[in-house]
Amino acid sequence: MKSRRVDFFSNDADYECAVLGSMGFSTKCIIRHTKLRPGQITYRLKRAAIRRIDYRDGSSETATLVMRSMRTAIDKEVVDHLKQIFLQ
């Protein structure tokens, strides 16, 4: 397979890798959405200075935005789940 330059602005797979990586998704998930190989994903995230751990530990700006915007929907899901588990 011929290698190519990484281009986050012109290549959809490269961009999607950066987006999904910044949201903390696993390599397996990124593979499913981009068809990139694990080494390609690691390389692209390193080039873009994206550390999935920053999302997972809540310290990235993306994590803060997601927590703020999704909180109401997630609260409802968690409450419904807990009621189903504990109030049967």
N, C-alpha and C. Protein backbone atom coordinates (compact mmCIF):
# COMPACT_ATOMS: atom_id res chain seq x y z
N MET A 1 0.85 -1.18 0.00
CA MET A 1 0.00 0.00 0.00
C MET A 1 0.89 1.25 0.00
N LYS A 2 0.59 2.17 -0.87
CA LYS A 2 1.38 3.39 -0.98
C LYS A 2 1.01 4.36 0.14
N SER A 3 2.04 4.92 0.77
CA SER A 3 1.77 5.88 1.84
C SER A 3 1.45 7.25 1.23
N ARG A 4 0.81 8.07 2.04
CA ARG A 4 0.46 9.42 1.61
C ARG A 4 0.67 10.36 2.78
N ARG A 5 0.70 11.62 2.46
CA ARG A 5 0.84 12.63 3.51
C ARG A 5 -0.45 12.73 4.32
N VAL A 6 -0.29 12.98 5.59
CA VAL A 6 -1.45 13.21 6.45
C VAL A 6 -1.96 14.62 6.16
N ASP A 7 -3.26 14.73 5.94
CA ASP A 7 -3.86 16.03 5.64
C ASP A 7 -5.22 16.10 6.32
N PHE A 8 -5.27 16.74 7.46
CA PHE A 8 -6.50 16.82 8.24
C PHE A 8 -7.57 17.69 7.59
N PHE A 9 -7.17 18.55 6.66
CA PHE A 9 -8.12 19.46 6.04
C PHE A 9 -8.69 18.95 4.72
N SER A 10 -8.00 18.04 4.06
CA SER A 10 -8.47 17.55 2.76
C SER A 10 -8.84 16.08 2.76
N ASN A 11 -8.44 15.35 3.78
CA ASN A 11 -8.73 13.92 3.81
C ASN A 11 -9.73 13.62 4.92
N ASP A 12 -10.88 13.10 4.54
CA ASP A 12 -11.95 12.84 5.52
C ASP A 12 -11.54 11.87 6.62
N ALA A 13 -10.79 10.82 6.26
CA ALA A 13 -10.39 9.83 7.27
C ALA A 13 -9.44 10.45 8.30
N ASP A 14 -8.53 11.28 7.84
CA ASP A 14 -7.61 11.94 8.77
C ASP A 14 -8.36 12.87 9.71
N TYR A 15 -9.29 13.64 9.16
CA TYR A 15 -10.08 14.57 9.98
C TYR A 15 -10.93 13.80 10.99
N GLU A 16 -11.61 12.74 10.52
CA GLU A 16 -12.46 11.95 11.40
C GLU A 16 -11.64 11.31 12.52
N CYS A 17 -10.44 10.87 12.20
CA CYS A 17 -9.54 10.32 13.21
C CYS A 17 -9.27 11.37 14.29
N ALA A 18 -9.00 12.59 13.89
CA ALA A 18 -8.73 13.66 14.85
C ALA A 18 -9.95 13.96 15.70
N VAL A 19 -11.12 14.02 15.09
CA VAL A 19 -12.35 14.31 15.83
C VAL A 19 -12.65 13.20 16.84
N LEU A 20 -12.65 11.97 16.37
CA LEU A 20 -12.97 10.86 17.26
C LEU A 20 -11.91 10.70 18.35
N GLY A 21 -10.66 10.91 18.01
CA GLY A 21 -9.60 10.84 19.00
C GLY A 21 -9.75 11.92 20.06
N SER A 22 -10.13 13.12 19.64
CA SER A 22 -10.30 14.21 20.61
C SER A 22 -11.48 13.97 21.52
N MET A 23 -12.39 13.09 21.10
CA MET A 23 -13.54 12.73 21.94
C MET A 23 -13.26 11.47 22.75
N GLY A 24 -12.01 11.00 22.73
CA GLY A 24 -11.60 9.89 23.57
C GLY A 24 -11.97 8.51 23.08
N PHE A 25 -12.45 8.38 21.84
CA PHE A 25 -12.86 7.08 21.34
C PHE A 25 -11.66 6.16 21.14
N SER A 26 -11.91 4.89 21.24
CA SER A 26 -10.86 3.88 21.14
C SER A 26 -10.35 3.73 19.71
N THR A 27 -9.20 3.12 19.59
CA THR A 27 -8.64 2.82 18.28
C THR A 27 -9.60 1.95 17.48
N LYS A 28 -10.21 0.98 18.13
CA LYS A 28 -11.16 0.09 17.47
C LYS A 28 -12.32 0.87 16.85
N CYS A 29 -12.84 1.83 17.58
CA CYS A 29 -13.93 2.67 17.07
C CYS A 29 -13.45 3.50 15.88
N ILE A 30 -12.27 4.09 16.00
CA ILE A 30 -11.73 4.92 14.92
C ILE A 30 -11.49 4.07 13.67
N ILE A 31 -11.03 2.84 13.84
CA ILE A 31 -10.85 1.93 12.71
C ILE A 31 -12.17 1.73 11.98
N ARG A 32 -13.23 1.46 12.75
CA ARG A 32 -14.55 1.23 12.14
C ARG A 32 -15.02 2.41 11.30
N HIS A 33 -14.73 3.61 11.76
CA HIS A 33 -15.24 4.81 11.07
C HIS A 33 -14.32 5.33 9.98
N THR A 34 -13.05 4.96 10.02
CA THR A 34 -12.11 5.55 9.06
C THR A 34 -11.41 4.53 8.17
N LYS A 35 -11.40 3.27 8.59
CA LYS A 35 -10.66 2.20 7.89
C LYS A 35 -9.14 2.38 7.98
N LEU A 36 -8.68 3.28 8.84
CA LEU A 36 -7.24 3.43 9.06
C LEU A 36 -6.74 2.27 9.91
N ARG A 37 -5.48 1.95 9.81
CA ARG A 37 -4.86 0.92 10.63
C ARG A 37 -4.42 1.52 11.98
N PRO A 38 -4.26 0.68 13.00
CA PRO A 38 -3.90 1.20 14.34
C PRO A 38 -2.67 2.11 14.33
N GLY A 39 -1.62 1.74 13.62
CA GLY A 39 -0.43 2.58 13.57
C GLY A 39 -0.69 3.92 12.91
N GLN A 40 -1.56 3.92 11.90
CA GLN A 40 -1.92 5.17 11.23
C GLN A 40 -2.69 6.09 12.18
N ILE A 41 -3.55 5.50 12.97
CA ILE A 41 -4.32 6.29 13.94
C ILE A 41 -3.39 6.91 14.97
N THR A 42 -2.51 6.10 15.52
CA THR A 42 -1.55 6.60 16.51
C THR A 42 -0.71 7.73 15.93
N TYR A 43 -0.24 7.55 14.72
CA TYR A 43 0.59 8.56 14.07
C TYR A 43 -0.19 9.86 13.88
N ARG A 44 -1.41 9.77 13.40
CA ARG A 44 -2.22 10.97 13.15
C ARG A 44 -2.54 11.72 14.44
N LEU A 45 -2.89 10.98 15.49
CA LEU A 45 -3.19 11.64 16.76
C LEU A 45 -1.94 12.30 17.34
N LYS A 46 -0.81 11.65 17.18
CA LYS A 46 0.44 12.26 17.65
C LYS A 46 0.76 13.52 16.86
N ARG A 47 0.60 13.47 15.54
CA ARG A 47 0.86 14.63 14.68
C ARG A 47 -0.06 15.80 15.04
N ALA A 48 -1.30 15.48 15.40
CA ALA A 48 -2.27 16.52 15.74
C ALA A 48 -2.19 16.93 17.21
N ALA A 49 -1.27 16.35 17.96
CA ALA A 49 -1.11 16.64 19.39
C ALA A 49 -2.43 16.39 20.14
N ILE A 50 -3.09 15.29 19.80
CA ILE A 50 -4.34 14.90 20.46
C ILE A 50 -4.04 13.72 21.37
N ARG A 51 -4.36 13.92 22.65
CA ARG A 51 -4.17 12.86 23.64
C ARG A 51 -5.54 12.44 24.15
N ARG A 52 -5.93 11.21 23.83
CA ARG A 52 -7.25 10.74 24.25
C ARG A 52 -7.41 10.77 25.75
N ILE A 53 -6.35 10.62 26.51
CA ILE A 53 -6.43 10.66 27.96
C ILE A 53 -6.94 12.02 28.46
N ASP A 54 -6.66 13.09 27.72
CA ASP A 54 -7.15 14.41 28.13
C ASP A 54 -8.68 14.46 28.10
N TYR A 55 -9.28 13.75 27.16
CA TYR A 55 -10.74 13.69 27.13
C TYR A 55 -11.24 12.79 28.26
N ARG A 56 -10.60 11.66 28.41
CA ARG A 56 -11.06 10.67 29.38
C ARG A 56 -10.97 11.18 30.81
N ASP A 57 -9.96 11.99 31.09
CA ASP A 57 -9.86 12.50 32.47
C ASP A 57 -10.59 13.83 32.64
N GLY A 58 -11.24 14.30 31.59
CA GLY A 58 -12.07 15.50 31.67
C GLY A 58 -11.32 16.80 31.59
N SER A 59 -10.03 16.76 31.23
CA SER A 59 -9.25 18.00 31.24
C SER A 59 -9.23 18.73 29.89
N SER A 60 -9.76 18.13 28.84
CA SER A 60 -9.73 18.81 27.54
C SER A 60 -10.95 19.72 27.38
N GLU A 61 -10.82 20.67 26.50
CA GLU A 61 -11.92 21.58 26.20
C GLU A 61 -13.10 20.80 25.60
N THR A 62 -12.78 19.80 24.79
CA THR A 62 -13.84 18.97 24.19
C THR A 62 -14.63 18.25 25.26
N ALA A 63 -13.95 17.69 26.25
CA ALA A 63 -14.65 16.99 27.33
C ALA A 63 -15.57 17.94 28.08
N THR A 64 -15.10 19.14 28.35
CA THR A 64 -15.92 20.13 29.05
C THR A 64 -17.16 20.48 28.25
N LEU A 65 -16.99 20.68 26.94
CA LEU A 65 -18.14 20.99 26.07
C LEU A 65 -19.15 19.86 26.04
N VAL A 66 -18.66 18.63 25.92
CA VAL A 66 -19.56 17.47 25.87
C VAL A 66 -20.30 17.32 27.19
N MET A 67 -19.58 17.44 28.30
CA MET A 67 -20.23 17.32 29.61
C MET A 67 -21.33 18.36 29.79
N ARG A 68 -21.02 19.58 29.40
CA ARG A 68 -21.99 20.66 29.55
C ARG A 68 -23.21 20.46 28.65
N SER A 69 -22.99 20.10 27.41
CA SER A 69 -24.09 20.02 26.45
C SER A 69 -24.92 18.74 26.59
N MET A 70 -24.34 17.68 27.09
CA MET A 70 -25.04 16.40 27.15
C MET A 70 -25.59 16.08 28.53
N ARG A 71 -25.32 16.89 29.50
CA ARG A 71 -25.65 16.57 30.89
C ARG A 71 -27.13 16.26 31.10
N THR A 72 -28.03 17.05 30.56
CA THR A 72 -29.47 16.85 30.77
C THR A 72 -29.91 15.51 30.20
N ALA A 73 -29.49 15.21 28.98
CA ALA A 73 -29.88 13.94 28.35
C ALA A 73 -29.28 12.76 29.10
N ILE A 74 -28.05 12.87 29.50
CA ILE A 74 -27.38 11.78 30.21
C ILE A 74 -28.02 11.57 31.58
N ASP A 75 -28.34 12.66 32.28
CA ASP A 75 -29.00 12.53 33.59
C ASP A 75 -30.27 11.72 33.46
N LYS A 76 -31.09 12.01 32.48
CA LYS A 76 -32.34 11.28 32.28
C LYS A 76 -32.07 9.80 32.02
N GLU A 77 -31.11 9.50 31.17
CA GLU A 77 -30.76 8.11 30.87
C GLU A 77 -30.30 7.37 32.12
N VAL A 78 -29.45 8.02 32.91
CA VAL A 78 -28.92 7.37 34.11
C VAL A 78 -30.03 7.15 35.13
N VAL A 79 -30.87 8.15 35.34
CA VAL A 79 -31.99 8.00 36.29
C VAL A 79 -32.91 6.87 35.84
N ASP A 80 -33.27 6.83 34.55
CA ASP A 80 -34.12 5.75 34.04
C ASP A 80 -33.46 4.39 34.24
N HIS A 81 -32.18 4.32 33.96
CA HIS A 81 -31.44 3.05 34.15
C HIS A 81 -31.43 2.62 35.61
N LEU A 82 -31.12 3.56 36.51
CA LEU A 82 -31.06 3.22 37.93
C LEU A 82 -32.43 2.82 38.47
N LYS A 83 -33.47 3.49 38.02
CA LYS A 83 -34.84 3.09 38.44
C LYS A 83 -35.15 1.67 37.97
N GLN A 84 -34.76 1.37 36.75
CA GLN A 84 -35.01 0.04 36.21
C GLN A 84 -34.27 -1.03 37.01
N ILE A 85 -33.05 -0.73 37.41
CA ILE A 85 -32.23 -1.70 38.14
C ILE A 85 -32.69 -1.85 39.59
N PHE A 86 -32.94 -0.72 40.27
CA PHE A 86 -33.16 -0.76 41.70
C PHE A 86 -34.61 -0.69 42.15
N LEU A 87 -35.52 -0.31 41.28
CA LEU A 87 -36.91 -0.17 41.70
C LEU A 87 -37.80 -1.21 41.03
N GLN A 88 -37.28 -2.39 40.80
CA GLN A 88 -38.08 -3.46 40.19
C GLN A 88 -38.90 -4.18 41.20
